[in-house]
C-alpha atoms as a PDB file:
ATOM      1  CA  MET A   1      -0.792-120.468  85.423  1.00  0.00           C
ATOM      2  CA  GLY A   2      -2.848-119.354  82.468  1.00  0.00           C
ATOM      3  CA  LYS A   3      -6.265-117.763  82.514  1.00  0.00           C
ATOM      4  CA  PHE A   4      -9.286-120.022  82.165  1.00  0.00           C
ATOM      5  CA  GLN A   5     -12.604-118.694  80.888  1.00  0.00           C
ATOM      6  CA  TYR A   6     -15.323-119.452  83.433  1.00  0.00           C
ATOM      7  CA  SER A   7     -17.736-120.372  80.667  1.00  0.00           C
ATOM      8  CA  TYR A   8     -15.553-122.860  78.790  1.00  0.00           C
ATOM      9  CA  ASN A   9     -16.258-125.987  80.699  1.00  0.00           C
ATOM     10  CA  PHE A  10     -18.069-126.057  84.017  1.00  0.00           C
ATOM     11  CA  ALA A  11     -16.760-129.482  84.983  1.00  0.00           C
ATOM     12  CA  ILE A  12     -13.134-128.522  84.336  1.00  0.00           C
ATOM     13  CA  THR A  13     -13.615-125.317  86.318  1.00  0.00           C
ATOM     14  CA  ILE A  14     -14.963-127.251  89.302  1.00  0.00           C
ATOM     15  CA  ILE A  15     -11.939-129.546  89.181  1.00  0.00           C
ATOM     16  CA  ILE A  16      -9.574-126.574  89.117  1.00  0.00           C
ATOM     17  CA  ILE A  17     -11.334-124.918  92.036  1.00  0.00           C
ATOM     18  CA  THR A  18     -11.223-128.184  93.991  1.00  0.00           C
ATOM     19  CA  ILE A  19      -7.480-128.437  93.459  1.00  0.00           C
ATOM     20  CA  VAL A  20      -6.982-124.864  94.696  1.00  0.00           C
ATOM     21  CA  VAL A  21      -9.076-125.498  97.799  1.00  0.00           C
ATOM     22  CA  ILE A  22      -7.315-128.765  98.634  1.00  0.00           C
ATOM     23  CA  SER A  23      -3.799-127.462  98.110  1.00  0.00           C
ATOM     24  CA  ASN A  24      -3.171-124.205  99.911  1.00  0.00           C
ATOM     25  CA  LYS A  25       0.505-124.460  99.001  1.00  0.00           C
ATOM     26  CA  LEU A  26       0.106-123.868  95.295  1.00  0.00           C
ATOM     27  CA  THR A  27       2.721-121.367  94.191  1.00  0.00           C
ATOM     28  CA  VAL A  28       0.075-119.087  92.682  1.00  0.00           C
ATOM     29  CA  PRO A  29      -3.428-119.230  94.204  1.00  0.00           C
ATOM     30  CA  LEU A  30      -6.350-118.375  91.932  1.00  0.00           C
ATOM     31  CA  PHE A  31      -9.610-116.502  92.383  1.00  0.00           C
ATOM     32  CA  TYR A  32     -12.425-114.970  90.384  1.00  0.00           C
ATOM     33  CA  SER A  33     -11.915-111.426  89.112  1.00  0.00           C
ATOM     34  CA  SER A  34     -14.674-109.046  88.081  1.00  0.00           C
ATOM     35  CA  SER A  35     -14.595-110.524  84.572  1.00  0.00           C
ATOM     36  CA  ASN A  36     -15.156-114.100  85.854  1.00  0.00           C
ATOM     37  CA  GLU A  37     -11.662-115.181  84.879  1.00  0.00           C
ATOM     38  CA  LEU A  38      -9.251-117.072  87.082  1.00  0.00           C
ATOM     39  CA  ILE A  39      -6.337-114.672  87.580  1.00  0.00           C
ATOM     40  CA  SER A  40      -3.099-114.983  89.522  1.00  0.00           C
ATOM     41  CA  PHE A  41      -0.514-112.489  90.717  1.00  0.00           C
ATOM     42  CA  ASN A  42       2.062-112.256  87.927  1.00  0.00           C
ATOM     43  CA  GLY A  43       5.607-111.725  89.169  1.00  0.00           C
ATOM     44  CA  SER A  44       6.995-111.274  85.663  1.00  0.00           C
ATOM     45  CA  ARG A  45       4.500-108.515  84.949  1.00  0.00           C
ATOM     46  CA  ALA A  46       5.461-106.848  88.245  1.00  0.00           C
ATOM     47  CA  LEU A  47       9.131-107.038  87.281  1.00  0.00           C
ATOM     48  CA  ASP A  48       8.288-105.274  84.017  1.00  0.00           C
ATOM     49  CA  TYR A  49       6.814-102.460  86.111  1.00  0.00           C
ATOM     50  CA  VAL A  50      10.080-102.231  88.051  1.00  0.00           C
ATOM     51  CA  ILE A  51      12.093-101.993  84.850  1.00  0.00           C
ATOM     52  CA  GLU A  52       9.792 -99.327  83.420  1.00  0.00           C
ATOM     53  CA  GLN A  53      10.223 -97.183  86.532  1.00  0.00           C
ATOM     54  CA  VAL A  54      13.998 -97.495  86.545  1.00  0.00           C
ATOM     55  CA  ASN A  55      14.100 -96.655  82.847  1.00  0.00           C
ATOM     56  CA  MET A  56      12.439 -93.311  83.661  1.00  0.00           C
ATOM     57  CA  GLY A  57      15.495 -92.362  85.693  1.00  0.00           C
ATOM     58  CA  SER A  58      15.724 -91.807  89.437  1.00  0.00           C
ATOM     59  CA  ARG A  59      12.372 -90.503  90.724  1.00  0.00           C
ATOM     60  CA  THR A  60      13.926 -87.921  93.036  1.00  0.00           C
ATOM     61  CA  PRO A  61      11.502 -85.234  94.273  1.00  0.00           C
ATOM     62  CA  GLY A  62      11.185 -82.350  91.843  1.00  0.00           C
ATOM     63  CA  SER A  63      12.853 -84.194  88.964  1.00  0.00           C
ATOM     64  CA  ILE A  64      11.410 -84.911  85.508  1.00  0.00           C
ATOM     65  CA  PRO A  65      11.233 -88.696  86.174  1.00  0.00           C
ATOM     66  CA  HIS A  66       9.350 -87.913  89.386  1.00  0.00           C
ATOM     67  CA  SER A  67       6.747 -86.040  87.327  1.00  0.00           C
ATOM     68  CA  ILE A  68       6.676 -88.745  84.654  1.00  0.00           C
ATOM     69  CA  PHE A  69       5.885 -91.328  87.320  1.00  0.00           C
ATOM     70  CA  SER A  70       2.579 -89.652  88.120  1.00  0.00           C
ATOM     71  CA  THR A  71       1.367 -89.956  84.534  1.00  0.00           C
ATOM     72  CA  TRP A  72       2.770 -93.462  84.208  1.00  0.00           C
ATOM     73  CA  VAL A  73       1.041 -94.891  87.289  1.00  0.00           C
ATOM     74  CA  ASN A  74      -2.260 -93.415  86.137  1.00  0.00           C
ATOM     75  CA  SER A  75      -1.869 -95.279  82.851  1.00  0.00           C
ATOM     76  CA  LYS A  76      -1.215 -98.608  84.573  1.00  0.00           C
ATOM     77  CA  ILE A  77      -4.307 -98.770  86.775  1.00  0.00           C
ATOM     78  CA  ASN A  78      -7.762 -99.741  85.505  1.00  0.00           C
ATOM     79  CA  HIS A  79      -9.884 -96.642  86.007  1.00  0.00           C
ATOM     80  CA  SER A  80     -13.115 -98.625  85.703  1.00  0.00           C
ATOM     81  CA  MET A  81     -12.256-100.321  89.012  1.00  0.00           C
ATOM     82  CA  TRP A  82     -10.068 -97.713  90.701  1.00  0.00           C
ATOM     83  CA  LYS A  83     -10.416 -93.987  91.226  1.00  0.00           C
ATOM     84  CA  ILE A  84      -7.079 -92.157  91.232  1.00  0.00           C
ATOM     85  CA  GLU A  85      -6.537 -89.083  93.390  1.00  0.00           C
ATOM     86  CA  HIS A  86      -3.490 -86.891  93.941  1.00  0.00           C
ATOM     87  CA  GLN A  87      -2.885 -85.524  97.411  1.00  0.00           C
ATOM     88  CA  ASN A  88      -0.770 -82.388  97.116  1.00  0.00           C
ATOM     89  CA  GLY A  89       0.539 -80.133  99.851  1.00  0.00           C
ATOM     90  CA  TYR A  90       3.528 -78.915 101.825  1.00  0.00           C
ATOM     91  CA  TYR A  91       4.981 -80.754 104.787  1.00  0.00           C
ATOM     92  CA  GLN A  92       8.012 -79.515 106.693  1.00  0.00           C
ATOM     93  CA  GLY A  93       8.803 -77.167 103.833  1.00  0.00           C
ATOM     94  CA  GLN A  94       8.705 -79.788 101.076  1.00  0.00           C
ATOM     95  CA  TYR A  95       6.047 -80.157  98.395  1.00  0.00           C
ATOM     96  CA  ILE A  96       4.426 -83.601  98.564  1.00  0.00           C
ATOM     97  CA  THR A  97       2.458 -85.489  95.923  1.00  0.00           C
ATOM     98  CA  ASN A  98       0.966 -88.719  97.234  1.00  0.00           C
ATOM     99  CA  ILE A  99      -1.077 -90.790  94.788  1.00  0.00           C
ATOM    100  CA  ILE A 100      -4.096 -92.754  96.028  1.00  0.00           C
ATOM    101  CA  ALA A 101      -6.036 -95.458  94.169  1.00  0.00           C
ATOM    102  CA  LYS A 102      -9.448 -96.221  95.712  1.00  0.00           C
ATOM    103  CA  ASN A 103     -11.699 -99.160  94.835  1.00  0.00           C
ATOM    104  CA  THR A 104     -14.714 -97.535  96.496  1.00  0.00           C
ATOM    105  CA  ASN A 105     -15.986 -94.217  97.795  1.00  0.00           C
ATOM    106  CA  GLN A 106     -16.240 -95.761 101.264  1.00  0.00           C
ATOM    107  CA  PRO A 107     -13.539 -95.176 103.892  1.00  0.00           C
ATOM    108  CA  PRO A 108     -10.760 -97.751 103.554  1.00  0.00           C
ATOM    109  CA  LYS A 109     -10.682-100.847 105.710  1.00  0.00           C
ATOM    110  CA  ILE A 110      -7.232-101.685 104.319  1.00  0.00           C
ATOM    111  CA  ILE A 111      -4.380 -99.513 103.053  1.00  0.00           C
ATOM    112  CA  ILE A 112      -1.521-101.087 101.101  1.00  0.00           C
ATOM    113  CA  ALA A 113       1.280 -98.615 100.418  1.00  0.00           C
ATOM    114  CA  ALA A 114       4.777 -98.166  99.038  1.00  0.00           C
ATOM    115  CA  HIS A 115       6.982 -95.147  98.370  1.00  0.00           C
ATOM    116  CA  TYR A 116       7.767 -94.194  94.800  1.00  0.00           C
ATOM    117  CA  ASP A 117      10.483 -91.575  95.268  1.00  0.00           C
ATOM    118  CA  SER A 118      14.196 -92.307  94.884  1.00  0.00           C
ATOM    119  CA  ARG A 119      16.996 -91.130  97.133  1.00  0.00           C
ATOM    120  CA  MET A 120      18.968 -88.118  95.879  1.00  0.00           C
ATOM    121  CA  ARG A 121      22.331 -89.483  96.999  1.00  0.00           C
ATOM    122  CA  SER A 122      23.920 -92.951  96.751  1.00  0.00           C
ATOM    123  CA  ASP A 123      25.655 -92.248 100.050  1.00  0.00           C
ATOM    124  CA  ASN A 124      25.931 -95.901 101.058  1.00  0.00           C
ATOM    125  CA  ASP A 125      27.854 -96.839  97.913  1.00  0.00           C
ATOM    126  CA  PRO A 126      31.332 -98.270  98.529  1.00  0.00           C
ATOM    127  CA  ASN A 127      32.624 -95.953  95.791  1.00  0.00           C
ATOM    128  CA  ILE A 128      32.704 -92.470  97.317  1.00  0.00           C
ATOM    129  CA  ILE A 129      32.764 -90.917  93.847  1.00  0.00           C
ATOM    130  CA  LEU A 130      29.169 -92.132  93.356  1.00  0.00           C
ATOM    131  CA  HIS A 131      27.813 -90.617  96.577  1.00  0.00           C
ATOM    132  CA  SER A 132      26.513 -87.530  94.783  1.00  0.00           C
ATOM    133  CA  THR A 133      24.568 -89.554  92.198  1.00  0.00           C
ATOM    134  CA  PRO A 134      20.887 -90.448  92.770  1.00  0.00           C
ATOM    135  CA  VAL A 135      19.863 -94.014  93.606  1.00  0.00           C
ATOM    136  CA  PRO A 136      18.179 -95.856  90.684  1.00  0.00           C
ATOM    137  CA  GLY A 137      15.630 -97.194  93.179  1.00  0.00           C
ATOM    138  CA  ALA A 138      14.815-100.566  91.616  1.00  0.00           C
ATOM    139  CA  ASN A 139      14.296-102.492  94.835  1.00  0.00           C
ATOM    140  CA  ASP A 140      14.113 -99.475  97.141  1.00  0.00           C
ATOM    141  CA  GLY A 141      10.910 -97.959  95.800  1.00  0.00           C
ATOM    142  CA  ALA A 142      10.025 -99.513  92.449  1.00  0.00           C
ATOM    143  CA  SER A 143       9.510-103.047  93.794  1.00  0.00           C
ATOM    144  CA  GLY A 144       6.769-102.013  96.222  1.00  0.00           C
ATOM    145  CA  VAL A 145       5.112 -99.842  93.580  1.00  0.00           C
ATOM    146  CA  ALA A 146       5.141-102.758  91.139  1.00  0.00           C
ATOM    147  CA  ILE A 147       3.290-104.977  93.595  1.00  0.00           C
ATOM    148  CA  LEU A 148       0.642-102.295  94.193  1.00  0.00           C
ATOM    149  CA  ILE A 149      -0.003-101.980  90.457  1.00  0.00           C
ATOM    150  CA  GLU A 150      -0.275-105.739  90.007  1.00  0.00           C
ATOM    151  CA  LEU A 151      -2.606-105.932  93.013  1.00  0.00           C
ATOM    152  CA  ALA A 152      -4.804-103.325  91.326  1.00  0.00           C
ATOM    153  CA  ARG A 153      -5.107-105.715  88.382  1.00  0.00           C
ATOM    154  CA  THR A 154      -5.719-108.887  90.353  1.00  0.00           C
ATOM    155  CA  LEU A 155      -7.812-107.914  93.384  1.00  0.00           C
ATOM    156  CA  PRO A 156     -11.402-109.248  93.263  1.00  0.00           C
ATOM    157  CA  VAL A 157     -14.048-106.648  92.568  1.00  0.00           C
ATOM    158  CA  ASN A 158     -15.821-107.519  95.818  1.00  0.00           C
ATOM    159  CA  SER A 159     -12.786-106.881  98.030  1.00  0.00           C
ATOM    160  CA  GLN A 160     -13.075-104.814 101.180  1.00  0.00           C
ATOM    161  CA  PRO A 161     -12.719-101.033 100.716  1.00  0.00           C
ATOM    162  CA  ILE A 162      -9.034-100.653  99.860  1.00  0.00           C
ATOM    163  CA  TRP A 163      -6.697 -97.765  99.160  1.00  0.00           C
ATOM    164  CA  LEU A 164      -3.438 -98.360  97.322  1.00  0.00           C
ATOM    165  CA  VAL A 165      -1.186 -95.451  98.277  1.00  0.00           C
ATOM    166  CA  PHE A 166       2.009 -94.383  96.520  1.00  0.00           C
ATOM    167  CA  PHE A 167       3.954 -92.246  98.976  1.00  0.00           C
ATOM    168  CA  ASP A 168       6.201 -89.398  97.952  1.00  0.00           C
ATOM    169  CA  ALA A 169       9.270 -88.167  99.843  1.00  0.00           C
ATOM    170  CA  GLU A 170      10.065 -91.227 101.952  1.00  0.00           C
ATOM    171  CA  ASP A 171      13.706 -91.741 101.189  1.00  0.00           C
ATOM    172  CA  ASN A 172      15.683 -88.509 101.571  1.00  0.00           C
ATOM    173  CA  GLY A 173      16.408 -88.193 105.274  1.00  0.00           C
ATOM    174  CA  ASN A 174      19.868 -87.149 106.437  1.00  0.00           C
ATOM    175  CA  ILE A 175      20.090 -84.761 103.488  1.00  0.00           C
ATOM    176  CA  PRO A 176      20.013 -81.018 104.281  1.00  0.00           C
ATOM    177  CA  GLY A 177      16.459 -79.681 104.166  1.00  0.00           C
ATOM    178  CA  TRP A 178      14.899 -83.142 104.211  1.00  0.00           C
ATOM    179  CA  GLU A 179      13.569 -85.659 106.720  1.00  0.00           C
ATOM    180  CA  TRP A 180      12.535 -89.271 106.344  1.00  0.00           C
ATOM    181  CA  ILE A 181       8.959 -90.425 105.556  1.00  0.00           C
ATOM    182  CA  LEU A 182       7.544 -86.986 104.748  1.00  0.00           C
ATOM    183  CA  GLY A 183       4.890 -88.318 102.374  1.00  0.00           C
ATOM    184  CA  SER A 184       3.363 -90.732 104.862  1.00  0.00           C
ATOM    185  CA  ARG A 185       3.560 -88.158 107.651  1.00  0.00           C
ATOM    186  CA  TYR A 186       1.628 -85.709 105.519  1.00  0.00           C
ATOM    187  CA  PHE A 187      -0.873 -88.404 104.520  1.00  0.00           C
ATOM    188  CA  VAL A 188      -1.628 -89.380 108.114  1.00  0.00           C
ATOM    189  CA  SER A 189      -1.934 -85.724 109.118  1.00  0.00           C
ATOM    190  CA  GLN A 190      -4.758 -85.415 106.570  1.00  0.00           C
ATOM    191  CA  LEU A 191      -6.400 -88.801 107.223  1.00  0.00           C
ATOM    192  CA  GLU A 192      -9.992 -88.497 108.401  1.00  0.00           C
ATOM    193  CA  THR A 193     -10.708 -92.189 108.912  1.00  0.00           C
ATOM    194  CA  THR A 194      -9.189 -95.103 110.802  1.00  0.00           C
ATOM    195  CA  PRO A 195      -8.459 -98.163 108.645  1.00  0.00           C
ATOM    196  CA  ASP A 196      -8.322-101.612 110.211  1.00  0.00           C
ATOM    197  CA  ALA A 197      -4.893-102.383 108.769  1.00  0.00           C
ATOM    198  CA  VAL A 198      -2.027-100.696 106.932  1.00  0.00           C
ATOM    199  CA  ILE A 199       0.663-102.691 105.123  1.00  0.00           C
ATOM    200  CA  ILE A 200       3.837-101.014 103.871  1.00  0.00           C
ATOM    201  CA  LEU A 201       5.874-102.759 101.174  1.00  0.00           C
ATOM    202  CA  ASP A 202       9.493-101.661 100.890  1.00  0.00           C
ATOM    203  CA  MET A 203      12.515-103.384  99.337  1.00  0.00           C
ATOM    204  CA  ILE A 204      10.713-106.667  98.726  1.00  0.00           C
ATOM    205  CA  GLY A 205      12.113-107.640  95.307  1.00  0.00           C
ATOM    206  CA  ASP A 206      15.605-108.737  96.338  1.00  0.00           C
ATOM    207  CA  ASN A 207      16.890-111.803  94.471  1.00  0.00           C
ATOM    208  CA  ASN A 208      17.717-113.298  97.864  1.00  0.00           C
ATOM    209  CA  LEU A 209      14.448-112.607  99.688  1.00  0.00           C
ATOM    210  CA  ASN A 210      14.675-112.727 103.493  1.00  0.00           C
ATOM    211  CA  ILE A 211      11.887-110.821 105.239  1.00  0.00           C
ATOM    212  CA  TYR A 212      12.124-110.748 109.024  1.00  0.00           C
ATOM    213  CA  ARG A 213       9.445-109.555 111.406  1.00  0.00           C
ATOM    214  CA  GLU A 214       9.980-105.828 111.963  1.00  0.00           C
ATOM    215  CA  ARG A 215      10.096-104.799 115.613  1.00  0.00           C
ATOM    216  CA  ASN A 216       7.901-101.681 115.390  1.00  0.00           C
ATOM    217  CA  SER A 217       5.111-103.419 113.488  1.00  0.00           C
ATOM    218  CA  ASN A 218       1.733-104.422 114.896  1.00  0.00           C
ATOM    219  CA  ILE A 219       2.106-107.965 116.257  1.00  0.00           C
ATOM    220  CA  GLU A 220      -1.382-109.248 115.404  1.00  0.00           C
ATOM    221  CA  LEU A 221      -1.199-108.048 111.812  1.00  0.00           C
ATOM    222  CA  THR A 222       2.318-109.427 111.460  1.00  0.00           C
ATOM    223  CA  ASN A 223       1.115-112.817 112.715  1.00  0.00           C
ATOM    224  CA  GLN A 224      -1.669-112.846 110.134  1.00  0.00           C
ATOM    225  CA  ILE A 225       0.661-112.108 107.217  1.00  0.00           C
ATOM    226  CA  TRP A 226       3.314-114.579 108.351  1.00  0.00           C
ATOM    227  CA  ASP A 227       0.655-117.286 108.824  1.00  0.00           C
ATOM    228  CA  VAL A 228      -0.549-116.732 105.252  1.00  0.00           C
ATOM    229  CA  ALA A 229       3.002-116.873 103.924  1.00  0.00           C
ATOM    230  CA  GLN A 230       3.598-120.137 105.778  1.00  0.00           C
ATOM    231  CA  SER A 231       0.367-121.616 104.393  1.00  0.00           C
ATOM    232  CA  LEU A 232       1.632-120.831 100.887  1.00  0.00           C
ATOM    233  CA  GLY A 233       4.996-122.476 101.500  1.00  0.00           C
ATOM    234  CA  TYR A 234       6.939-119.211 101.806  1.00  0.00           C
ATOM    235  CA  GLU A 235       8.263-119.715 105.333  1.00  0.00           C
ATOM    236  CA  SER A 236      11.884-119.548 104.104  1.00  0.00           C
ATOM    237  CA  ASN A 237      11.205-116.034 102.765  1.00  0.00           C
ATOM    238  CA  PHE A 238       9.016-114.735 105.607  1.00  0.00           C
ATOM    239  CA  ILE A 239      11.323-115.599 108.474  1.00  0.00           C
ATOM    240  CA  ASN A 240       9.631-115.984 111.837  1.00  0.00           C
ATOM    241  CA  ASP A 241      12.195-113.991 113.827  1.00  0.00           C
ATOM    242  CA  LEU A 242      12.473-110.365 114.889  1.00  0.00           C
ATOM    243  CA  LYS A 243      15.490-108.515 113.528  1.00  0.00           C
ATOM    244  CA  TYR A 244      15.285-104.798 112.691  1.00  0.00           C
ATOM    245  CA  SER A 245      13.554-101.671 113.984  1.00  0.00           C
ATOM    246  CA  ILE A 246      12.930 -99.590 110.892  1.00  0.00           C
ATOM    247  CA  LEU A 247      11.908 -95.946 110.513  1.00  0.00           C
ATOM    248  CA  ASP A 248       9.568 -96.403 107.562  1.00  0.00           C
ATOM    249  CA  ASP A 249       6.148 -95.323 106.316  1.00  0.00           C
ATOM    250  CA  HIS A 250       4.318 -97.477 108.872  1.00  0.00           C
ATOM    251  CA  ILE A 251       5.519 -95.343 111.793  1.00  0.00           C
ATOM    252  CA  PRO A 252       3.126 -92.367 111.310  1.00  0.00           C
ATOM    253  CA  PHE A 253       0.189 -94.797 111.308  1.00  0.00           C
ATOM    254  CA  ILE A 254       1.414 -96.563 114.436  1.00  0.00           C
ATOM    255  CA  ASN A 255       1.874 -93.199 116.156  1.00  0.00           C
ATOM    256  CA  ALA A 256      -1.746 -92.419 115.252  1.00  0.00           C
ATOM    257  CA  GLY A 257      -2.950 -95.673 116.834  1.00  0.00           C
ATOM    258  CA  ILE A 258      -3.595 -97.449 113.519  1.00  0.00           C
ATOM    259  CA  PRO A 259      -2.435-101.095 113.171  1.00  0.00           C
ATOM    260  CA  ALA A 260       0.392-101.081 110.630  1.00  0.00           C
ATOM    261  CA  ILE A 261       3.309-103.257 109.581  1.00  0.00           C
ATOM    262  CA  ASP A 262       6.440-102.855 107.500  1.00  0.00           C
ATOM    263  CA  ILE A 263       7.208-105.734 105.137  1.00  0.00           C
ATOM    264  CA  ILE A 264      10.837-105.123 104.243  1.00  0.00           C
ATOM    265  CA  ASP A 265      13.967-107.091 103.400  1.00  0.00           C
ATOM    266  CA  PHE A 266      16.568-104.846 104.973  1.00  0.00           C
ATOM    267  CA  ASP A 267      19.398-107.297 104.272  1.00  0.00           C
ATOM    268  CA  TYR A 268      19.810-105.759 100.832  1.00  0.00           C
ATOM    269  CA  PRO A 269      23.450-105.054  99.979  1.00  0.00           C
ATOM    270  CA  PHE A 270      22.610-102.369  97.383  1.00  0.00           C
ATOM    271  CA  TRP A 271      20.530-100.173  99.720  1.00  0.00           C
ATOM    272  CA  HIS A 272      21.195 -96.495  98.936  1.00  0.00           C
ATOM    273  CA  THR A 273      23.839 -97.319  96.355  1.00  0.00           C
ATOM    274  CA  ALA A 274      24.155 -96.781  92.618  1.00  0.00           C
ATOM    275  CA  GLY A 275      23.859-100.562  92.315  1.00  0.00           C
ATOM    276  CA  ASP A 276      20.141-100.643  93.192  1.00  0.00           C
ATOM    277  CA  THR A 277      19.269-101.558  89.608  1.00  0.00           C
ATOM    278  CA  SER A 278      16.648-103.744  87.933  1.00  0.00           C
ATOM    279  CA  ASP A 279      18.915-106.780  87.635  1.00  0.00           C
ATOM    280  CA  LYS A 280      18.910-107.040  91.449  1.00  0.00           C
ATOM    281  CA  VAL A 281      15.130-107.603  91.489  1.00  0.00           C
ATOM    282  CA  SER A 282      13.501-111.001  91.055  1.00  0.00           C
ATOM    283  CA  ALA A 283      10.114-111.795  89.518  1.00  0.00           C
ATOM    284  CA  GLU A 284       9.905-114.734  91.914  1.00  0.00           C
ATOM    285  CA  SER A 285      10.377-112.502  94.965  1.00  0.00           C
ATOM    286  CA  LEU A 286       7.731-110.083  93.710  1.00  0.00           C
ATOM    287  CA  LYS A 287       5.358-113.001  93.181  1.00  0.00           C
ATOM    288  CA  ILE A 288       5.984-114.379  96.671  1.00  0.00           C
ATOM    289  CA  VAL A 289       5.192-111.079  98.379  1.00  0.00           C
ATOM    290  CA  GLY A 290       2.366-110.138  96.040  1.00  0.00           C
ATOM    291  CA  THR A 291       0.683-113.524  96.328  1.00  0.00           C
ATOM    292  CA  THR A 292       0.920-113.416 100.119  1.00  0.00           C
ATOM    293  CA  ILE A 293      -0.696-109.981 100.314  1.00  0.00           C
ATOM    294  CA  LEU A 294      -3.345-110.970  97.784  1.00  0.00           C
ATOM    295  CA  ARG A 295      -4.281-114.104  99.729  1.00  0.00           C
ATOM    296  CA  TRP A 296      -4.414-112.129 103.000  1.00  0.00           C
ATOM    297  CA  ILE A 297      -6.736-109.510 101.487  1.00  0.00           C
ATOM    298  CA  ILE A 298      -9.083-112.182 100.159  1.00  0.00           C
ATOM    299  CA  GLN A 299      -9.254-113.736 103.629  1.00  0.00           C
ATOM    300  CA  GLN A 300     -10.449-110.429 105.118  1.00  0.00           C
ATOM    301  CA  LYS A 301     -13.950-110.754 103.599  1.00  0.00           C
END
């Protein structure tokens, strides 16, 4: 839907708001932003963010595209509403750069996070010749990042204290000298507060979106997200069955006693292959996940 100026016509605005309230299954729910405009989560804009990341090259730790990403993400987030911080340090012998966007100086009630690094090896590719090439990371990495950036644009100014966290060094386990989820492990080791909820977004842009409940995730928080998705008409995408137990960035939070969930479509045939490219990612899938998270956050007031 387009943007409607709040001041154009009060009567028309009331009608629009009434429609939104009556129909909680609109594809794109609306709300007031800080500029008094009605804004929706834009899946096409999020897809553009995916393409821009992939066009940098694989964001493998220590690479030039990895460094470019840091500057790029800073340019995409409105600094009048969000304060950007870099968390740098060593963890298990690897240098980590997590990037944190904060909408307030208060401790976060909610953390929404995704990893931005790419895997160094396409070791799940059916073509063994490609195993030594880095993964492009369109769905596995860039899709979650894209949703975070679009959330930064669309979240209401009066939202709860929120941190959007871009984790480094998630995706290079089973490679000599590396372990999985190093960025989130380092982040939790430095965390001095206890948020109410942590949501990890990983591989959620697949053209054929099938998100199952993840077995390690907090049940109450999972129920809340799945209930919101169902209310929006997305029950065929957020499938109400348990399927996988995933070692992902939610695990360090769970181990620290913090409610956390992993929203992931692990039935992605191009996982850790050279085929994880932008054409495998759907604007519609990004919109479905982004809209669900946006609606859930608004309900937390």
